[in-house]
Structures are given as C-alpha cells and as structure tokens.
C-alpha cells in the first residue's frame, strides 16, 4: 500500500493516524436507518414519479425515429467497411 492509498483511507476513516485499520461496529444503533412501511414506500415513489418531466408522444416518436435511423445507418456503415476491408484483404493475399 502506498502513501496515497494510506492518506485516502485515513481521510475516509478506515485507518488511524498510525496506519492501523479501524474497526467499525456494523451493529451501531446510531448508524441504523428507520425503515418505512410498504405503503409509505409506494407513496414516496408515486410522489417522486410525479416530479419527473415525461416526454410527449411527439417527442417519443421523434427520438425513436432518430435512434432507429442511426441504428440502421451505423449497421450499414460497419457492414460496408467490413465487406470492403475483406475484399481488399482477399485481393492483396488472394
């Protein structure tokens, strides 16, 4: 372990000043979070989803058509390059 790693671990609290590993009790009650009920969880999820900026149908169609065009174009480009390089290699070594 080099000096930079030791300094980083000391800043994170995983090493003490002497370079010895520190122990953290995972059962520490102060670090424990309160659990929410299933109903509260879904209520919070619904509230967060309401804040999402959803695209309109026109935007979804436009983005889908752009992605499909780029997909077809890149597929044709890669196929064409592979086919061309294959022909060149066969011409040179064939």
Foldseek 3Di string as FASTA:
>chain_A
DDPVVLVVCVVVVQAPPVSHGDDDDPPPPVPDDDDDDPVVVVVVVVVVVVPDDDDDPVVVVVVVVVVVVVVVVVVVVVVVVVVVVVVVVVVVPD
